[in-house]
PDB file of N, CA and C in Angstrom:
ATOM      1  N   MET A   1      66.307  96.707  85.236  1.00  0.00           N
ATOM      2  CA  MET A   1      65.484  96.556  85.187  1.00  0.00           C
ATOM      3  C   MET A   1      65.405  96.984  84.443  1.00  0.00           C
ATOM      4  N   THR A   2      64.248  96.372  83.786  1.00  0.00           N
ATOM      5  CA  THR A   2      63.793  97.057  82.574  1.00  0.00           C
ATOM      6  C   THR A   2      62.291  98.267  82.702  1.00  0.00           C
ATOM      7  N   ALA A   3      62.255  98.332  82.012  1.00  0.00           N
ATOM      8  CA  ALA A   3      60.857 100.052  82.078  1.00  0.00           C
ATOM      9  C   ALA A   3      60.100  99.534  81.471  1.00  0.00           C
ATOM     10  N   ARG A   4      58.275  99.535  82.286  1.00  0.00           N
ATOM     11  CA  ARG A   4      56.989  98.581  81.815  1.00  0.00           C
ATOM     12  C   ARG A   4      56.543  99.721  80.694  1.00  0.00           C
ATOM     13  N   VAL A   5      56.518  99.588  79.324  1.00  0.00           N
ATOM     14  CA  VAL A   5      55.498 100.439  78.608  1.00  0.00           C
ATOM     15  C   VAL A   5      54.990  99.476  77.788  1.00  0.00           C
ATOM     16  N   GLU A   6      53.175  98.876  78.096  1.00  0.00           N
ATOM     17  CA  GLU A   6      52.239  98.629  77.780  1.00  0.00           C
ATOM     18  C   GLU A   6      51.267  98.721  76.113  1.00  0.00           C
ATOM     19  N   VAL A   7      51.066  99.316  74.720  1.00  0.00           N
ATOM     20  CA  VAL A   7      50.987  99.867  74.005  1.00  0.00           C
ATOM     21  C   VAL A   7      48.847  99.165  74.440  1.00  0.00           C
ATOM     22  N   ARG A   8      48.101 100.487  74.289  1.00  0.00           N
ATOM     23  CA  ARG A   8      46.913 100.258  74.795  1.00  0.00           C
ATOM     24  C   ARG A   8      45.909 100.619  73.821  1.00  0.00           C
ATOM     25  N   GLY A   9      46.812 100.356  72.679  1.00  0.00           N
ATOM     26  CA  GLY A   9      45.612 100.967  71.114  1.00  0.00           C
ATOM     27  C   GLY A   9      46.560 102.425  70.274  1.00  0.00           C
ATOM     28  N   ARG A  10      45.373 102.528  69.188  1.00  0.00           N
ATOM     29  CA  ARG A  10      45.996 103.336  68.738  1.00  0.00           C
ATOM     30  C   ARG A  10      44.262 104.662  68.600  1.00  0.00           C
ATOM     31  N   ASP A  11      44.739 106.138  67.942  1.00  0.00           N
ATOM     32  CA  ASP A  11      43.557 106.566  68.669  1.00  0.00           C
ATOM     33  C   ASP A  11      43.644 107.509  66.842  1.00  0.00           C
ATOM     34  N   VAL A  12      42.560 107.158  65.830  1.00  0.00           N
ATOM     35  CA  VAL A  12      42.833 107.127  64.951  1.00  0.00           C
ATOM     36  C   VAL A  12      42.709 109.239  64.361  1.00  0.00           C
ATOM     37  N   ALA A  13      41.863 109.847  64.761  1.00  0.00           N
ATOM     38  CA  ALA A  13      41.759 111.057  64.929  1.00  0.00           C
ATOM     39  C   ALA A  13      42.834 111.480  65.484  1.00  0.00           C
ATOM     40  N   ARG A  14      43.470 110.830  66.880  1.00  0.00           N
ATOM     41  CA  ARG A  14      44.987 111.963  67.828  1.00  0.00           C
ATOM     42  C   ARG A  14      45.735 111.852  66.768  1.00  0.00           C
ATOM     43  N   GLU A  15      45.677 110.717  65.846  1.00  0.00           N
ATOM     44  CA  GLU A  15      46.616 110.598  65.058  1.00  0.00           C
ATOM     45  C   GLU A  15      48.004 110.009  66.327  1.00  0.00           C
ATOM     46  N   ALA A  16      48.361 108.755  67.208  1.00  0.00           N
ATOM     47  CA  ALA A  16      48.619 108.766  68.284  1.00  0.00           C
ATOM     48  C   ALA A  16      48.621 107.368  68.891  1.00  0.00           C
ATOM     49  N   TYR A  17      49.219 106.996  69.257  1.00  0.00           N
ATOM     50  CA  TYR A  17      49.214 105.745  70.283  1.00  0.00           C
ATOM     51  C   TYR A  17      48.911 106.042  71.663  1.00  0.00           C
ATOM     52  N   ARG A  18      48.243 104.829  72.634  1.00  0.00           N
ATOM     53  CA  ARG A  18      47.965 105.358  74.117  1.00  0.00           C
ATOM     54  C   ARG A  18      48.640 104.360  74.557  1.00  0.00           C
ATOM     55  N   ILE A  19      50.364 104.726  75.138  1.00  0.00           N
ATOM     56  CA  ILE A  19      50.138 103.692  75.869  1.00  0.00           C
ATOM     57  C   ILE A  19      50.597 103.562  78.254  1.00  0.00           C
ATOM     58  N   GLU A  20      51.219 102.861  78.185  1.00  0.00           N
ATOM     59  CA  GLU A  20      50.370 102.409  79.367  1.00  0.00           C
ATOM     60  C   GLU A  20      51.693 101.923  80.569  1.00  0.00           C
ATOM     61  N   THR A  21      52.191 103.425  81.369  1.00  0.00           N
ATOM     62  CA  THR A  21      53.462 102.634  81.941  1.00  0.00           C
ATOM     63  C   THR A  21      52.546 102.597  83.859  1.00  0.00           C
ATOM     64  N   ASP A  22      53.631 102.520  84.448  1.00  0.00           N
ATOM     65  CA  ASP A  22      54.065 102.249  85.734  1.00  0.00           C
ATOM     66  C   ASP A  22      52.849 103.792  86.548  1.00  0.00           C
ATOM     67  N   ALA A  23      54.041 104.706  85.903  1.00  0.00           N
ATOM     68  CA  ALA A  23      53.315 106.140  86.340  1.00  0.00           C
ATOM     69  C   ALA A  23      51.956 106.599  86.512  1.00  0.00           C
ATOM     70  N   GLY A  24      51.352 106.022  84.538  1.00  0.00           N
ATOM     71  CA  GLY A  24      50.000 106.375  83.968  1.00  0.00           C
ATOM     72  C   GLY A  24      50.012 106.413  82.626  1.00  0.00           C
ATOM     73  N   ARG A  25      49.354 106.926  81.920  1.00  0.00           N
ATOM     74  CA  ARG A  25      48.844 106.295  80.658  1.00  0.00           C
ATOM     75  C   ARG A  25      48.978 107.878  79.797  1.00  0.00           C
ATOM     76  N   ALA A  26      49.728 107.742  78.623  1.00  0.00           N
ATOM     77  CA  ALA A  26      49.789 109.596  77.611  1.00  0.00           C
ATOM     78  C   ALA A  26      49.712 108.229  76.182  1.00  0.00           C
ATOM     79  N   TRP A  27      49.869 109.585  75.380  1.00  0.00           N
ATOM     80  CA  TRP A  27      49.640 109.317  74.026  1.00  0.00           C
ATOM     81  C   TRP A  27      50.521 109.548  73.262  1.00  0.00           C
ATOM     82  N   VAL A  28      51.073 109.355  72.014  1.00  0.00           N
ATOM     83  CA  VAL A  28      52.842 109.094  72.222  1.00  0.00           C
ATOM     84  C   VAL A  28      51.383 109.815  70.789  1.00  0.00           C
ATOM     85  N   PRO A  29      51.760 110.909  70.420  1.00  0.00           N
ATOM     86  CA  PRO A  29      52.161 110.794  69.063  1.00  0.00           C
ATOM     87  C   PRO A  29      52.681 110.631  68.294  1.00  0.00           C
ATOM     88  N   GLU A  30      51.889 109.890  66.310  1.00  0.00           N
ATOM     89  CA  GLU A  30      52.323 108.999  65.439  1.00  0.00           C
ATOM     90  C   GLU A  30      54.119 109.975  64.443  1.00  0.00           C
ATOM     91  N   CYS A  31      53.782 111.142  65.219  1.00  0.00           N
ATOM     92  CA  CYS A  31      55.099 112.364  64.345  1.00  0.00           C
ATOM     93  C   CYS A  31      55.901 112.479  65.054  1.00  0.00           C
ATOM     94  N   LEU A  32      56.017 112.170  66.518  1.00  0.00           N
ATOM     95  CA  LEU A  32      57.423 111.751  66.938  1.00  0.00           C
ATOM     96  C   LEU A  32      57.950 110.893  66.461  1.00  0.00           C
ATOM     97  N   MET A  33      57.381 109.087  66.079  1.00  0.00           N
ATOM     98  CA  MET A  33      57.686 107.844  65.274  1.00  0.00           C
ATOM     99  C   MET A  33      58.439 108.671  64.091  1.00  0.00           C
ATOM    100  N   ALA A  34      57.310 109.229  63.671  1.00  0.00           N
ATOM    101  CA  ALA A  34      57.263 109.602  61.616  1.00  0.00           C
ATOM    102  C   ALA A  34      58.423 109.717  60.749  1.00  0.00           C
ATOM    103  N   GLN A  35      59.194 110.823  62.326  1.00  0.00           N
ATOM    104  CA  GLN A  35      60.517 111.201  62.413  1.00  0.00           C
ATOM    105  C   GLN A  35      61.517 110.829  61.824  1.00  0.00           C
ATOM    106  N   ALA A  36      62.008 109.769  62.981  1.00  0.00           N
ATOM    107  CA  ALA A  36      62.475 108.083  62.973  1.00  0.00           C
ATOM    108  C   ALA A  36      62.283 107.710  62.104  1.00  0.00           C
ATOM    109  N   LEU A  37      62.145 106.801  61.816  1.00  0.00           N
ATOM    110  CA  LEU A  37      60.654 106.317  60.455  1.00  0.00           C
ATOM    111  C   LEU A  37      60.324 106.322  58.869  1.00  0.00           C
ATOM    112  N   ARG A  38      59.934 107.083  58.979  1.00  0.00           N
ATOM    113  CA  ARG A  38      59.498 108.089  57.727  1.00  0.00           C
ATOM    114  C   ARG A  38      59.027 109.016  57.655  1.00  0.00           C
ATOM    115  N   PRO A  39      59.971 109.877  57.214  1.00  0.00           N
ATOM    116  CA  PRO A  39      59.905 111.226  57.422  1.00  0.00           C
ATOM    117  C   PRO A  39      58.435 112.271  57.039  1.00  0.00           C
ATOM    118  N   GLY A  40      57.470 112.832  57.205  1.00  0.00           N
ATOM    119  CA  GLY A  40      56.309 113.045  56.479  1.00  0.00           C
ATOM    120  C   GLY A  40      55.056 111.625  55.755  1.00  0.00           C
ATOM    121  N   GLY A  41      55.466 110.427  57.280  1.00  0.00           N
ATOM    122  CA  GLY A  41      54.676 109.996  56.491  1.00  0.00           C
ATOM    123  C   GLY A  41      53.761 108.855  57.416  1.00  0.00           C
ATOM    124  N   ARG A  42      53.332 108.986  57.844  1.00  0.00           N
ATOM    125  CA  ARG A  42      52.963 107.797  59.653  1.00  0.00           C
ATOM    126  C   ARG A  42      52.979 106.243  58.797  1.00  0.00           C
ATOM    127  N   PRO A  43      53.377 106.424  60.195  1.00  0.00           N
ATOM    128  CA  PRO A  43      54.499 104.396  60.930  1.00  0.00           C
ATOM    129  C   PRO A  43      53.377 103.267  61.267  1.00  0.00           C
ATOM    130  N   SER A  44      53.666 102.102  60.273  1.00  0.00           N
ATOM    131  CA  SER A  44      52.859 100.995  60.508  1.00  0.00           C
ATOM    132  C   SER A  44      52.806 101.059  61.548  1.00  0.00           C
ATOM    133  N   HIS A  45      51.900 100.195  62.238  1.00  0.00           N
ATOM    134  CA  HIS A  45      51.533  99.464  63.362  1.00  0.00           C
ATOM    135  C   HIS A  45      53.146  99.091  63.865  1.00  0.00           C
ATOM    136  N   GLN A  46      53.311  97.545  63.340  1.00  0.00           N
ATOM    137  CA  GLN A  46      54.774  97.037  63.642  1.00  0.00           C
ATOM    138  C   GLN A  46      55.394  98.261  63.892  1.00  0.00           C
ATOM    139  N   ASP A  47      55.928  98.897  63.067  1.00  0.00           N
ATOM    140  CA  ASP A  47      56.993  99.841  62.722  1.00  0.00           C
ATOM    141  C   ASP A  47      56.809 100.819  64.301  1.00  0.00           C
ATOM    142  N   ALA A  48      55.686 101.303  64.742  1.00  0.00           N
ATOM    143  CA  ALA A  48      55.352 101.494  66.040  1.00  0.00           C
ATOM    144  C   ALA A  48      55.541 100.942  66.993  1.00  0.00           C
ATOM    145  N   TYR A  49      55.348  99.823  67.106  1.00  0.00           N
ATOM    146  CA  TYR A  49      55.424  99.215  68.260  1.00  0.00           C
ATOM    147  C   TYR A  49      56.324  99.422  68.836  1.00  0.00           C
ATOM    148  N   GLU A  50      57.352  98.785  67.274  1.00  0.00           N
ATOM    149  CA  GLU A  50      59.336  98.649  68.021  1.00  0.00           C
ATOM    150  C   GLU A  50      60.048 100.149  68.236  1.00  0.00           C
ATOM    151  N   TRP A  51      58.873 100.929  67.599  1.00  0.00           N
ATOM    152  CA  TRP A  51      59.555 102.159  68.142  1.00  0.00           C
ATOM    153  C   TRP A  51      59.501 102.304  69.157  1.00  0.00           C
ATOM    154  N   ILE A  52      58.621 102.539  69.310  1.00  0.00           N
ATOM    155  CA  ILE A  52      57.708 102.723  71.476  1.00  0.00           C
ATOM    156  C   ILE A  52      59.089 101.880  71.895  1.00  0.00           C
ATOM    157  N   ALA A  53      58.888 100.723  71.792  1.00  0.00           N
ATOM    158  CA  ALA A  53      59.929  98.867  72.408  1.00  0.00           C
ATOM    159  C   ALA A  53      61.240  99.538  72.790  1.00  0.00           C
ATOM    160  N   ALA A  54      61.866 100.727  71.218  1.00  0.00           N
ATOM    161  CA  ALA A  54      63.181 101.279  71.932  1.00  0.00           C
ATOM    162  C   ALA A  54      63.590 102.682  72.599  1.00  0.00           C
ATOM    163  N   HIS A  55      62.050 103.076  72.540  1.00  0.00           N
ATOM    164  CA  HIS A  55      61.923 104.181  73.317  1.00  0.00           C
ATOM    165  C   HIS A  55      61.798 104.300  74.563  1.00  0.00           C
ATOM    166  N   ARG A  56      61.167 102.941  74.950  1.00  0.00           N
ATOM    167  CA  ARG A  56      60.525 103.004  76.209  1.00  0.00           C
ATOM    168  C   ARG A  56      60.837 103.095  78.103  1.00  0.00           C
ATOM    169  N   GLN A  57      62.771 103.198  77.922  1.00  0.00           N
ATOM    170  CA  GLN A  57      63.119 104.175  79.104  1.00  0.00           C
ATOM    171  C   GLN A  57      62.932 106.123  78.569  1.00  0.00           C
ATOM    172  N   ALA A  58      63.062 106.266  77.602  1.00  0.00           N
ATOM    173  CA  ALA A  58      61.917 108.120  77.632  1.00  0.00           C
ATOM    174  C   ALA A  58      60.951 107.852  77.580  1.00  0.00           C
ATOM    175  N   LEU A  59      60.226 106.810  76.850  1.00  0.00           N
ATOM    176  CA  LEU A  59      58.710 107.322  77.135  1.00  0.00           C
ATOM    177  C   LEU A  59      58.108 107.239  78.792  1.00  0.00           C
ATOM    178  N   VAL A  60      59.097 106.409  79.638  1.00  0.00           N
ATOM    179  CA  VAL A  60      59.013 105.811  81.053  1.00  0.00           C
ATOM    180  C   VAL A  60      59.075 107.317  81.667  1.00  0.00           C
ATOM    181  N   ARG A  61      60.265 108.234  81.410  1.00  0.00           N
ATOM    182  CA  ARG A  61      61.274 109.073  81.587  1.00  0.00           C
ATOM    183  C   ARG A  61      59.941 110.358  81.745  1.00  0.00           C
ATOM    184  N   ALA A  62      58.886 110.146  80.493  1.00  0.00           N
ATOM    185  CA  ALA A  62      58.389 111.750  80.003  1.00  0.00           C
ATOM    186  C   ALA A  62      57.024 111.575  80.513  1.00  0.00           C
ATOM    187  N   VAL A  63      56.381 110.279  80.489  1.00  0.00           N
ATOM    188  CA  VAL A  63      55.192 110.176  81.574  1.00  0.00           C
ATOM    189  C   VAL A  63      55.622 110.507  83.280  1.00  0.00           C
ATOM    190  N   THR A  64      56.530 109.637  83.474  1.00  0.00           N
ATOM    191  CA  THR A  64      56.867 110.001  85.004  1.00  0.00           C
ATOM    192  C   THR A  64      56.908 111.505  85.247  1.00  0.00           C
ATOM    193  N   GLN A  65      57.008 112.598  84.341  1.00  0.00           N
ATOM    194  CA  GLN A  65      57.589 114.111  84.407  1.00  0.00           C
ATOM    195  C   GLN A  65      55.512 114.532  83.738  1.00  0.00           C
ATOM    196  N   LEU A  66      55.171 114.333  83.517  1.00  0.00           N
ATOM    197  CA  LEU A  66      53.885 114.396  82.589  1.00  0.00           C
ATOM    198  C   LEU A  66      53.200 114.811  83.945  1.00  0.00           C
ATOM    199  N   ALA A  67      53.087 113.318  84.904  1.00  0.00           N
ATOM    200  CA  ALA A  67      52.141 112.429  85.823  1.00  0.00           C
ATOM    201  C   ALA A  67      52.650 113.674  87.007  1.00  0.00           C
ATOM    202  N   CYS A  68      54.004 114.395  87.785  1.00  0.00           N
ATOM    203  CA  CYS A  68      54.537 115.012  88.351  1.00  0.00           C
ATOM    204  C   CYS A  68      54.168 116.798  87.893  1.00  0.00           C
ATOM    205  N   GLY A  69      53.310 116.175  87.147  1.00  0.00           N
ATOM    206  CA  GLY A  69      52.739 118.308  86.702  1.00  0.00           C
ATOM    207  C   GLY A  69      54.055 118.850  85.640  1.00  0.00           C
ATOM    208  N   ALA A  70      55.254 118.346  85.115  1.00  0.00           N
ATOM    209  CA  ALA A  70      56.518 118.887  84.338  1.00  0.00           C
ATOM    210  C   ALA A  70      56.439 118.364  82.846  1.00  0.00           C
ATOM    211  N   THR A  71      57.058 119.094  82.429  1.00  0.00           N
ATOM    212  CA  THR A  71      57.203 119.294  81.156  1.00  0.00           C
ATOM    213  C   THR A  71      58.239 118.342  80.920  1.00  0.00           C
ATOM    214  N   PRO A  72      58.568 117.365  80.440  1.00  0.00           N
ATOM    215  CA  PRO A  72      59.321 116.564  79.969  1.00  0.00           C
ATOM    216  C   PRO A  72      59.848 116.909  78.664  1.00  0.00           C
ATOM    217  N   ARG A  73      61.594 117.129  78.385  1.00  0.00           N
ATOM    218  CA  ARG A  73      62.333 117.243  77.356  1.00  0.00           C
ATOM    219  C   ARG A  73      61.708 116.934  75.731  1.00  0.00           C
ATOM    220  N   PRO A  74      62.178 118.562  74.697  1.00  0.00           N
ATOM    221  CA  PRO A  74      61.872 117.803  73.300  1.00  0.00           C
ATOM    222  C   PRO A  74      62.571 116.646  73.449  1.00  0.00           C
ATOM    223  N   PRO A  75      61.419 115.342  72.397  1.00  0.00           N
ATOM    224  CA  PRO A  75      61.089 115.845  71.559  1.00  0.00           C
ATOM    225  C   PRO A  75      59.629 115.321  72.434  1.00  0.00           C
ATOM    226  N   TYR A  76      59.850 114.834  73.786  1.00  0.00           N
ATOM    227  CA  TYR A  76      58.781 114.480  73.869  1.00  0.00           C
ATOM    228  C   TYR A  76      58.002 115.255  75.220  1.00  0.00           C
ATOM    229  N   ASP A  77      57.922 116.298  74.492  1.00  0.00           N
ATOM    230  CA  ASP A  77      57.277 117.447  75.676  1.00  0.00           C
ATOM    231  C   ASP A  77      55.312 117.578  74.522  1.00  0.00           C
ATOM    232  N   ILE A  78      55.572 116.692  73.390  1.00  0.00           N
ATOM    233  CA  ILE A  78      54.129 116.771  72.964  1.00  0.00           C
ATOM    234  C   ILE A  78      53.558 115.723  73.075  1.00  0.00           C
ATOM    235  N   MET A  79      53.406 114.567  74.113  1.00  0.00           N
ATOM    236  CA  MET A  79      52.636 113.966  74.252  1.00  0.00           C
ATOM    237  C   MET A  79      51.816 113.993  75.543  1.00  0.00           C
ATOM    238  N   THR A  80      50.782 113.624  75.804  1.00  0.00           N
ATOM    239  CA  THR A  80      49.816 114.074  76.585  1.00  0.00           C
ATOM    240  C   THR A  80      49.494 113.479  77.414  1.00  0.00           C
ATOM    241  N   LEU A  81      49.835 113.749  78.859  1.00  0.00           N
ATOM    242  CA  LEU A  81      49.081 112.668  79.810  1.00  0.00           C
ATOM    243  C   LEU A  81      47.392 112.550  79.545  1.00  0.00           C
ATOM    244  N   ILE A  82      47.395 111.434  79.714  1.00  0.00           N
ATOM    245  CA  ILE A  82      45.652 110.748  79.945  1.00  0.00           C
ATOM    246  C   ILE A  82      45.273 110.452  80.971  1.00  0.00           C
ATOM    247  N   GLU A  83      46.013 110.039  82.010  1.00  0.00           N
ATOM    248  CA  GLU A  83      45.473 109.656  83.377  1.00  0.00           C
ATOM    249  C   GLU A  83      47.062 109.681  84.418  1.00  0.00           C
ATOM    250  N   ALA A  84      47.247 109.584  85.483  1.00  0.00           N
ATOM    251  CA  ALA A  84      48.736 109.655  86.501  1.00  0.00           C
ATOM    252  C   ALA A  84      47.416 108.795  87.478  1.00  0.00           C
ATOM    253  N   ARG A  85      49.228 107.925  87.847  1.00  0.00           N
ATOM    254  CA  ARG A  85      48.005 106.294  88.937  1.00  0.00           C
ATOM    255  C   ARG A  85      49.233 106.887  89.768  1.00  0.00           C
TER     256      ARG A  85
END
């Protein structure tokens, strides 16, 4: 079964992408993506969407843990829950 992750936009001030999963919504900081794509730089929208798709299982796991009040494993521990379902 494929994990559902939908990108709901980017917040310029937060430098993060808003994602939605079945467990809730969360902010994914661009620095998570930049480490793998271009160290020290900001990922393009295309790079960010591809990174999110490639890491969707880990992102779903992190959002689920955040929604349950737990702390995800690094590096996903820097994600912030917006709203649990």
